[in-house]
Amino acid sequence: MDKKNSSFKKLGKHLVRTSITLLDSLFNDNLEQQQMLEKHREQLLDASRRKALVVLQLKTKKIAHFETVVGYVTTKRPIHEQVVIKIQNNLQQLRIVALRDIEKVSVLDTKNKHKLIAK
């Protein structure tokens, strides 16, 4: 009987460790995602203040590839969940982009002789 009990205890400990590991990885992914959103938010606010051109690479569910949006950030207020981009080719057209859909942000500073700030 003692052999069966020790086997069950070992199995139980293994299951607990596995569950803790899975939960830890779940929460860490969420933390990394929040840090990335905050980084994009700060980059976009900085680009807005400098009136710099931004290039956004977006994750899309409809297309297997990435989508690219080029334009200017229209707000100087804090950005929460979405950002409004004034499209470069047609300044009358606006595009609302969710921060969670942004994969990469690149900023082209037009004031400093086209200095590229890729982040």
C-alpha atoms as a PDB file:
ATOM      1  CA  MET A   1       0.000   0.000   0.000  1.00  0.00           C
ATOM      2  CA  ASP A   2       2.817   2.400   0.818  1.00  0.00           C
ATOM      3  CA  LYS A   3       4.230   1.971  -2.669  1.00  0.00           C
ATOM      4  CA  LYS A   4       0.869   2.943  -4.248  1.00  0.00           C
ATOM      5  CA  ASN A   5       0.517   5.974  -1.948  1.00  0.00           C
ATOM      6  CA  SER A   6       4.025   7.219  -2.771  1.00  0.00           C
ATOM      7  CA  SER A   7       3.294   6.762  -6.504  1.00  0.00           C
ATOM      8  CA  PHE A   8       0.071   8.779  -6.180  1.00  0.00           C
ATOM      9  CA  LYS A   9       1.912  11.471  -4.215  1.00  0.00           C
ATOM     10  CA  LYS A  10       4.584  11.705  -6.913  1.00  0.00           C
ATOM     11  CA  LEU A  11       1.922  11.882  -9.624  1.00  0.00           C
ATOM     12  CA  GLY A  12       0.028  14.530  -7.663  1.00  0.00           C
ATOM     13  CA  LYS A  13       3.175  16.646  -7.204  1.00  0.00           C
ATOM     14  CA  HIS A  14       3.956  16.348 -10.908  1.00  0.00           C
ATOM     15  CA  LEU A  15       0.435  17.478 -11.863  1.00  0.00           C
ATOM     16  CA  VAL A  16       0.636  20.444  -9.480  1.00  0.00           C
ATOM     17  CA  ARG A  17       4.022  21.503 -10.879  1.00  0.00           C
ATOM     18  CA  THR A  18       2.705  21.199 -14.440  1.00  0.00           C
ATOM     19  CA  SER A  19      -0.376  23.289 -13.596  1.00  0.00           C
ATOM     20  CA  ILE A  20       1.747  25.980 -11.935  1.00  0.00           C
ATOM     21  CA  THR A  21       4.065  26.084 -14.946  1.00  0.00           C
ATOM     22  CA  LEU A  22       1.144  26.447 -17.357  1.00  0.00           C
ATOM     23  CA  LEU A  23      -0.438  29.227 -15.303  1.00  0.00           C
ATOM     24  CA  ASP A  24       2.876  31.033 -14.983  1.00  0.00           C
ATOM     25  CA  SER A  25       3.450  30.982 -18.743  1.00  0.00           C
ATOM     26  CA  LEU A  26      -0.110  32.205 -19.320  1.00  0.00           C
ATOM     27  CA  PHE A  27       0.361  35.211 -17.038  1.00  0.00           C
ATOM     28  CA  ASN A  28       3.828  36.022 -18.383  1.00  0.00           C
ATOM     29  CA  ASP A  29       2.508  36.146 -21.952  1.00  0.00           C
ATOM     30  CA  ASN A  30      -0.145  38.579 -20.801  1.00  0.00           C
ATOM     31  CA  LEU A  31       2.503  40.729 -19.097  1.00  0.00           C
ATOM     32  CA  GLU A  32       4.699  40.768 -22.219  1.00  0.00           C
ATOM     33  CA  GLN A  33       1.699  41.742 -24.324  1.00  0.00           C
ATOM     34  CA  GLN A  34       0.864  44.639 -21.964  1.00  0.00           C
ATOM     35  CA  GLN A  35       4.474  45.848 -22.082  1.00  0.00           C
ATOM     36  CA  MET A  36       4.418  45.759 -25.888  1.00  0.00           C
ATOM     37  CA  LEU A  37       1.143  47.734 -25.978  1.00  0.00           C
ATOM     38  CA  GLU A  38       2.638  50.346 -23.649  1.00  0.00           C
ATOM     39  CA  LYS A  39       5.746  50.606 -25.837  1.00  0.00           C
ATOM     40  CA  HIS A  40       3.632  51.123 -28.983  1.00  0.00           C
ATOM     41  CA  ARG A  41       1.462  53.660 -27.148  1.00  0.00           C
ATOM     42  CA  GLU A  42       4.503  55.750 -26.146  1.00  0.00           C
ATOM     43  CA  GLN A  43       6.029  55.549 -29.633  1.00  0.00           C
ATOM     44  CA  LEU A  44       2.791  56.741 -31.233  1.00  0.00           C
ATOM     45  CA  LEU A  45       2.382  59.618 -28.760  1.00  0.00           C
ATOM     46  CA  ASP A  46       5.961  60.709 -29.392  1.00  0.00           C
ATOM     47  CA  ALA A  47       5.389  60.570 -33.159  1.00  0.00           C
ATOM     48  CA  SER A  48       2.225  62.628 -32.725  1.00  0.00           C
ATOM     49  CA  ARG A  49       4.038  65.328 -30.754  1.00  0.00           C
ATOM     50  CA  ARG A  50       6.795  65.518 -33.387  1.00  0.00           C
ATOM     51  CA  LYS A  51       4.289  65.328 -36.271  1.00  0.00           C
ATOM     52  CA  ALA A  52       6.321  62.445 -37.662  1.00  0.00           C
ATOM     53  CA  LEU A  53       5.258  59.935 -40.277  1.00  0.00           C
ATOM     54  CA  VAL A  54       4.500  56.481 -38.858  1.00  0.00           C
ATOM     55  CA  VAL A  55       4.514  53.107 -40.577  1.00  0.00           C
ATOM     56  CA  LEU A  56       2.465  50.471 -38.787  1.00  0.00           C
ATOM     57  CA  GLN A  57       2.686  46.780 -39.511  1.00  0.00           C
ATOM     58  CA  LEU A  58      -0.629  45.198 -38.528  1.00  0.00           C
ATOM     59  CA  LYS A  59      -1.634  41.619 -37.802  1.00  0.00           C
ATOM     60  CA  THR A  60      -4.741  40.721 -39.742  1.00  0.00           C
ATOM     61  CA  LYS A  61      -7.072  37.767 -39.426  1.00  0.00           C
ATOM     62  CA  LYS A  62      -8.463  38.017 -42.948  1.00  0.00           C
ATOM     63  CA  ILE A  63      -5.139  37.875 -44.776  1.00  0.00           C
ATOM     64  CA  ALA A  64      -2.241  35.549 -44.016  1.00  0.00           C
ATOM     65  CA  HIS A  65       0.265  38.393 -44.472  1.00  0.00           C
ATOM     66  CA  PHE A  66       0.770  41.634 -42.607  1.00  0.00           C
ATOM     67  CA  GLU A  67      -0.978  44.859 -43.546  1.00  0.00           C
ATOM     68  CA  THR A  68       0.928  48.155 -43.645  1.00  0.00           C
ATOM     69  CA  VAL A  69      -0.553  51.556 -42.784  1.00  0.00           C
ATOM     70  CA  VAL A  70       1.395  54.772 -43.438  1.00  0.00           C
ATOM     71  CA  GLY A  71       0.295  58.108 -42.069  1.00  0.00           C
ATOM     72  CA  TYR A  72       0.246  60.587 -39.204  1.00  0.00           C
ATOM     73  CA  VAL A  73      -1.135  60.146 -35.690  1.00  0.00           C
ATOM     74  CA  THR A  74      -3.934  62.672 -35.264  1.00  0.00           C
ATOM     75  CA  THR A  75      -4.139  63.017 -31.494  1.00  0.00           C
ATOM     76  CA  LYS A  76      -1.877  64.442 -28.821  1.00  0.00           C
ATOM     77  CA  ARG A  77      -4.070  63.066 -26.028  1.00  0.00           C
ATOM     78  CA  PRO A  78      -3.340  59.795 -24.245  1.00  0.00           C
ATOM     79  CA  ILE A  79      -3.963  56.740 -26.422  1.00  0.00           C
ATOM     80  CA  HIS A  80      -5.928  53.965 -24.743  1.00  0.00           C
ATOM     81  CA  GLU A  81      -7.155  51.099 -26.941  1.00  0.00           C
ATOM     82  CA  GLN A  82      -7.154  52.640 -30.424  1.00  0.00           C
ATOM     83  CA  VAL A  83      -5.236  55.224 -32.399  1.00  0.00           C
ATOM     84  CA  VAL A  84      -6.467  57.337 -35.328  1.00  0.00           C
ATOM     85  CA  ILE A  85      -4.098  57.572 -38.287  1.00  0.00           C
ATOM     86  CA  LYS A  86      -4.423  60.169 -41.049  1.00  0.00           C
ATOM     87  CA  ILE A  87      -3.443  58.256 -44.204  1.00  0.00           C
ATOM     88  CA  GLN A  88      -0.411  59.739 -46.004  1.00  0.00           C
ATOM     89  CA  ASN A  89      -1.709  59.446 -49.591  1.00  0.00           C
ATOM     90  CA  ASN A  90      -5.128  60.912 -48.750  1.00  0.00           C
ATOM     91  CA  LEU A  91      -5.063  63.288 -45.779  1.00  0.00           C
ATOM     92  CA  GLN A  92      -8.877  63.389 -45.781  1.00  0.00           C
ATOM     93  CA  GLN A  93      -9.038  59.665 -44.984  1.00  0.00           C
ATOM     94  CA  LEU A  94      -8.737  58.457 -41.395  1.00  0.00           C
ATOM     95  CA  ARG A  95      -8.041  54.935 -40.186  1.00  0.00           C
ATOM     96  CA  ILE A  96      -8.778  53.699 -36.677  1.00  0.00           C
ATOM     97  CA  VAL A  97      -6.290  51.031 -35.596  1.00  0.00           C
ATOM     98  CA  ALA A  98      -6.526  48.939 -32.432  1.00  0.00           C
ATOM     99  CA  LEU A  99      -3.270  48.864 -30.475  1.00  0.00           C
ATOM    100  CA  ARG A 100      -3.537  45.092 -30.007  1.00  0.00           C
ATOM    101  CA  ASP A 101      -3.364  44.650 -33.819  1.00  0.00           C
ATOM    102  CA  ILE A 102      -0.049  46.519 -34.173  1.00  0.00           C
ATOM    103  CA  GLU A 103       2.928  44.236 -34.679  1.00  0.00           C
ATOM    104  CA  LYS A 104       5.617  46.856 -35.365  1.00  0.00           C
ATOM    105  CA  VAL A 105       5.927  50.658 -35.316  1.00  0.00           C
ATOM    106  CA  SER A 106       8.435  52.643 -37.391  1.00  0.00           C
ATOM    107  CA  VAL A 107       8.698  56.423 -37.187  1.00  0.00           C
ATOM    108  CA  LEU A 108      10.116  58.665 -39.916  1.00  0.00           C
ATOM    109  CA  ASP A 109      10.990  62.028 -38.417  1.00  0.00           C
ATOM    110  CA  THR A 110      10.537  64.610 -41.180  1.00  0.00           C
ATOM    111  CA  LYS A 111      11.871  67.515 -39.074  1.00  0.00           C
ATOM    112  CA  ASN A 112      15.379  66.064 -38.679  1.00  0.00           C
ATOM    113  CA  LYS A 113      16.225  65.528 -42.338  1.00  0.00           C
ATOM    114  CA  HIS A 114      14.385  62.204 -42.700  1.00  0.00           C
ATOM    115  CA  LYS A 115      15.963  60.475 -39.750  1.00  0.00           C
ATOM    116  CA  LEU A 116      14.469  56.971 -39.421  1.00  0.00           C
ATOM    117  CA  ILE A 117      13.602  55.804 -35.940  1.00  0.00           C
ATOM    118  CA  ALA A 118      12.607  52.139 -36.201  1.00  0.00           C
ATOM    119  CA  LYS A 119      11.420  50.424 -33.045  1.00  0.00           C
END
